[in-house]
Amino acid sequence: MTMDELRESFPNLAKRLPDNIFGDHELVVVDYNYKDIYDEEVEDFDPDEYNHMIYIAEPISKILDEDGLKQIAQKIESDPNIESFLSTESDLYGVMAKDMNEESLSRLVFEYIDKILA
């Protein structure tokens, strides 16, 4: 998603972003989860239980603070498209998302962030 799309779709978030952000990947990172035997950080996220990993990057963490990050985690966990959820840190989650790819899952997270900031 471009910054123009982000500003148009999520105005509550966009007005709080610093000027040096160039894309959504600097704010929220959603990756397909696979077994990486060399990465100890993700060993809690079994790909059979959590098909995607979500990282809320520092610019968003600063905007939301700890309470906002808890709200994001709760909203993601209770979303009907999420079958299972694991938070190992306040800004790192594993999810089993039904019929969602990285883009649609990223958009869902941005929607929740924007609602919290409304």
Protein backbone atom coordinates (compact mmCIF):
# COMPACT_ATOMS: atom_id res chain seq x y z
CA MET A 1 0.00 0.00 0.00
CA THR A 2 1.37 3.40 -0.92
CA MET A 3 1.41 6.32 1.49
CA ASP A 4 -1.32 8.02 -0.56
CA GLU A 5 -3.54 4.94 -0.18
CA LEU A 6 -2.72 4.77 3.51
CA ARG A 7 -3.59 8.45 4.04
CA GLU A 8 -6.87 8.06 2.17
CA SER A 9 -7.93 4.81 3.83
CA PHE A 10 -6.71 5.47 7.37
CA PRO A 11 -6.87 9.22 8.08
CA ASN A 12 -6.71 8.91 11.89
CA LEU A 13 -3.41 7.09 11.62
CA ALA A 14 -2.03 9.16 8.74
CA LYS A 15 -2.29 12.48 10.58
CA ARG A 16 -0.11 11.10 13.41
CA LEU A 17 2.67 9.66 11.25
CA PRO A 18 6.08 11.29 10.98
CA ASP A 19 7.01 12.73 7.58
CA ASN A 20 9.85 10.26 7.01
CA ILE A 21 7.57 7.22 6.51
CA PHE A 22 7.48 6.03 2.89
CA GLY A 23 5.30 2.94 2.99
CA ASP A 24 3.12 0.66 5.05
CA HIS A 25 5.95 -1.86 5.44
CA GLU A 26 7.63 0.61 7.82
CA LEU A 27 4.56 0.52 10.07
CA VAL A 28 3.14 -2.99 10.09
CA VAL A 29 4.91 -6.07 8.77
CA VAL A 30 2.85 -9.15 7.92
CA ASP A 31 4.74 -12.20 6.71
CA TYR A 32 3.80 -15.72 5.85
CA ASN A 33 5.14 -18.01 8.57
CA TYR A 34 7.42 -20.86 7.62
CA LYS A 35 9.75 -23.08 9.60
CA ASP A 36 13.09 -21.29 9.90
CA ILE A 37 15.43 -23.43 11.99
CA TYR A 38 17.94 -20.58 12.23
CA ASP A 39 15.64 -17.94 13.67
CA GLU A 40 15.15 -18.36 17.42
CA GLU A 41 12.77 -15.39 17.61
CA VAL A 42 10.06 -17.22 15.68
CA GLU A 43 10.37 -20.70 17.15
CA ASP A 44 7.25 -20.06 19.29
CA PHE A 45 5.21 -19.64 16.11
CA ASP A 46 4.64 -23.13 14.72
CA PRO A 47 3.60 -22.69 11.06
CA ASP A 48 0.96 -25.40 11.52
CA GLU A 49 -0.73 -23.27 14.20
CA TYR A 50 0.11 -19.73 13.04
CA ASN A 51 0.30 -19.19 9.28
CA HIS A 52 1.23 -15.50 9.52
CA MET A 53 3.34 -13.31 11.76
CA ILE A 54 2.47 -9.67 12.46
CA TYR A 55 4.99 -7.13 13.69
CA ILE A 56 3.84 -3.68 14.77
CA ALA A 57 6.84 -1.46 13.96
CA GLU A 58 8.22 1.28 16.19
CA PRO A 59 6.42 4.27 14.62
CA ILE A 60 3.05 2.64 15.37
CA SER A 61 4.17 1.43 18.80
CA LYS A 62 5.09 4.98 19.74
CA ILE A 63 1.75 6.33 18.53
CA LEU A 64 -0.34 3.65 20.27
CA ASP A 65 1.68 3.22 23.47
CA GLU A 66 1.34 0.06 25.56
CA ASP A 67 -2.42 0.38 26.08
CA GLY A 68 -3.06 0.78 22.36
CA LEU A 69 -0.89 -2.26 21.56
CA LYS A 70 -2.97 -4.31 24.01
CA GLN A 71 -6.14 -3.12 22.26
CA ILE A 72 -4.73 -4.08 18.84
CA ALA A 73 -3.83 -7.54 20.12
CA GLN A 74 -7.33 -8.00 21.59
CA LYS A 75 -9.02 -6.87 18.38
CA ILE A 76 -6.92 -9.15 16.20
CA GLU A 77 -7.44 -12.10 18.53
CA SER A 78 -11.23 -11.63 18.56
CA ASP A 79 -11.57 -11.08 14.81
CA PRO A 80 -13.75 -13.81 13.20
CA ASN A 81 -11.11 -14.38 10.49
CA ILE A 82 -8.48 -15.34 13.07
CA GLU A 83 -8.57 -18.97 14.18
CA SER A 84 -5.63 -18.83 16.59
CA PHE A 85 -3.54 -16.06 18.06
CA LEU A 86 -0.30 -15.84 20.04
CA SER A 87 1.40 -12.72 21.33
CA THR A 88 4.98 -13.30 22.47
CA GLU A 89 5.73 -9.59 22.78
CA SER A 90 3.51 -6.53 22.84
CA ASP A 91 4.28 -5.89 19.17
CA LEU A 92 4.76 -9.41 17.74
CA TYR A 93 1.91 -11.81 17.03
CA GLY A 94 1.37 -15.15 15.37
CA VAL A 95 -2.03 -15.75 13.80
CA MET A 96 -3.85 -18.45 11.89
CA ALA A 97 -5.86 -16.38 9.45
CA LYS A 98 -8.68 -17.93 7.45
CA ASP A 99 -8.53 -17.18 3.73
CA MET A 100 -6.37 -14.08 4.20
CA ASN A 101 -3.11 -13.21 2.51
CA GLU A 102 -0.47 -10.78 3.75
CA GLU A 103 -2.14 -7.78 2.11
CA SER A 104 -5.63 -8.42 3.49
CA LEU A 105 -4.27 -9.18 6.94
CA SER A 106 -2.19 -5.99 6.88
CA ARG A 107 -5.26 -3.98 5.89
CA LEU A 108 -7.21 -5.53 8.78
CA VAL A 109 -4.50 -4.46 11.25
CA PHE A 110 -4.45 -0.92 9.82
CA GLU A 111 -8.25 -0.75 10.14
CA TYR A 112 -8.04 -1.63 13.82
CA ILE A 113 -5.22 0.87 14.40
CA ASP A 114 -7.22 3.62 12.69
CA LYS A 115 -10.32 2.86 14.80
CA ILE A 116 -8.33 2.98 18.04
CA LEU A 117 -6.91 6.38 17.04
CA ALA A 118 -10.34 7.81 16.10
